[in-house]
Amino acid sequence: MHEAVKQATGIEIANCETCMWLGDGGDGLEYNSSFPICEYPKRKGADNLKSFPFKAEQKCWVPHFWCSKFSDMIKHGEDDEVLHLIKEFQEAVEAAEKEM
């Protein structure tokens, strides 16, 4: 389904855990509560299902930079370095999507 994008980003499985739409529905640190939510506009209510976050690959998946091999390339953590790697990540994703 997303094989070219997974290969380009170094992400092994296209599920909720590696998706940029996975968010935090907690009330903030002051209340010490955190729970996963799906922020994908067309999947409202998906996070209410018992099996969420889904372990199986999802059609709506969009790769997350911080789950990719590009985040492992950060050496110093300076803004310029991180922004350059984010740009490389985006270019890799776009090139892989063109192949599909």
Protein backbone atom coordinates (compact mmCIF):
# COMPACT_ATOMS: atom_id res chain seq x y z
CA MET A 1 0.00 0.00 0.00
CA HIS A 2 2.67 2.53 1.05
CA GLU A 3 5.75 0.48 0.22
CA ALA A 4 7.67 3.18 -1.70
CA VAL A 5 7.10 5.79 1.01
CA LYS A 6 8.04 3.37 3.80
CA GLN A 7 11.25 2.46 2.00
CA ALA A 8 12.14 6.11 1.30
CA THR A 9 11.59 7.14 4.94
CA GLY A 10 12.90 4.03 6.68
CA ILE A 11 9.58 3.45 8.43
CA GLU A 12 8.73 -0.23 8.77
CA ILE A 13 4.95 -0.17 9.19
CA ALA A 14 2.37 2.42 8.07
CA ASN A 15 0.18 2.43 11.17
CA CYS A 16 -1.02 5.00 13.70
CA GLU A 17 2.21 4.91 15.71
CA THR A 18 4.23 6.29 12.76
CA CYS A 19 1.54 8.63 11.41
CA MET A 20 1.70 12.42 11.57
CA TRP A 21 -2.04 12.53 12.39
CA LEU A 22 -1.57 10.80 15.77
CA GLY A 23 -2.14 13.42 18.43
CA ASP A 24 -2.46 13.81 22.18
CA GLY A 25 -5.91 14.29 23.61
CA GLY A 26 -4.85 14.90 27.17
CA ASP A 27 -5.72 17.87 29.35
CA GLY A 28 -2.11 18.93 29.67
CA LEU A 29 0.75 18.24 32.00
CA GLU A 30 -0.94 19.93 34.94
CA TYR A 31 -3.62 17.21 34.96
CA ASN A 32 -1.20 14.38 34.18
CA SER A 33 -3.48 12.90 31.53
CA SER A 34 -2.59 11.80 28.05
CA PHE A 35 -4.33 9.61 25.50
CA PRO A 36 -3.89 9.12 21.75
CA ILE A 37 -6.31 10.74 19.31
CA CYS A 38 -6.61 10.70 15.53
CA GLU A 39 -6.43 14.22 14.11
CA TYR A 40 -7.09 13.15 10.51
CA PRO A 41 -10.15 15.22 9.46
CA LYS A 42 -11.85 12.39 7.56
CA ARG A 43 -11.48 9.79 10.35
CA LYS A 44 -13.41 11.49 13.13
CA GLY A 45 -14.31 9.03 15.83
CA ALA A 46 -11.61 6.51 14.93
CA ASP A 47 -9.94 7.16 18.27
CA ASN A 48 -13.12 6.09 20.06
CA LEU A 49 -12.65 2.53 18.86
CA LYS A 50 -11.25 0.06 21.36
CA SER A 51 -8.39 -1.02 19.07
CA PHE A 52 -7.10 2.54 18.52
CA PRO A 53 -4.26 3.35 17.90
CA PHE A 54 -4.34 0.77 15.14
CA LYS A 55 -1.42 -1.62 14.78
CA ALA A 56 -2.34 -2.67 11.22
CA GLU A 57 -1.40 -0.56 8.23
CA GLN A 58 -3.86 2.23 7.42
CA LYS A 59 -4.82 3.75 4.07
CA CYS A 60 -4.97 7.26 5.59
CA TRP A 61 -1.38 7.04 6.90
CA VAL A 62 0.97 9.99 6.41
CA PRO A 63 4.59 9.42 7.53
CA HIS A 64 5.84 11.35 10.54
CA PHE A 65 9.33 12.88 10.38
CA TRP A 66 10.22 11.89 13.94
CA CYS A 67 9.51 8.22 13.16
CA SER A 68 11.72 8.23 10.06
CA LYS A 69 15.38 7.52 9.44
CA PHE A 70 15.88 11.26 8.88
CA SER A 71 15.35 12.06 12.55
CA ASP A 72 18.17 9.63 13.38
CA MET A 73 20.51 11.75 11.23
CA ILE A 74 20.32 14.72 13.61
CA LYS A 75 23.77 15.25 15.09
CA HIS A 76 23.70 18.66 16.80
CA GLY A 77 20.01 19.56 16.92
CA GLU A 78 20.52 23.06 15.59
CA ASP A 79 17.62 24.65 13.70
CA ASP A 80 19.39 24.73 10.33
CA GLU A 81 20.32 21.05 10.56
CA VAL A 82 16.82 19.92 11.57
CA LEU A 83 15.12 22.08 8.93
CA HIS A 84 17.46 20.68 6.27
CA LEU A 85 16.59 17.10 7.29
CA ILE A 86 12.87 17.89 7.32
CA LYS A 87 13.22 19.21 3.77
CA GLU A 88 15.08 16.03 2.72
CA PHE A 89 12.31 13.96 4.35
CA GLN A 90 9.60 15.85 2.47
CA GLU A 91 11.47 15.50 -0.83
CA ALA A 92 11.90 11.75 -0.27
CA VAL A 93 8.19 11.34 0.47
CA GLU A 94 7.17 13.36 -2.60
CA ALA A 95 9.52 11.38 -4.85
CA ALA A 96 8.21 8.07 -3.48
CA GLU A 97 4.59 9.17 -3.97
CA LYS A 98 5.32 9.99 -7.61
CA GLU A 99 6.51 6.41 -8.11
CA MET A 100 3.15 5.05 -6.94
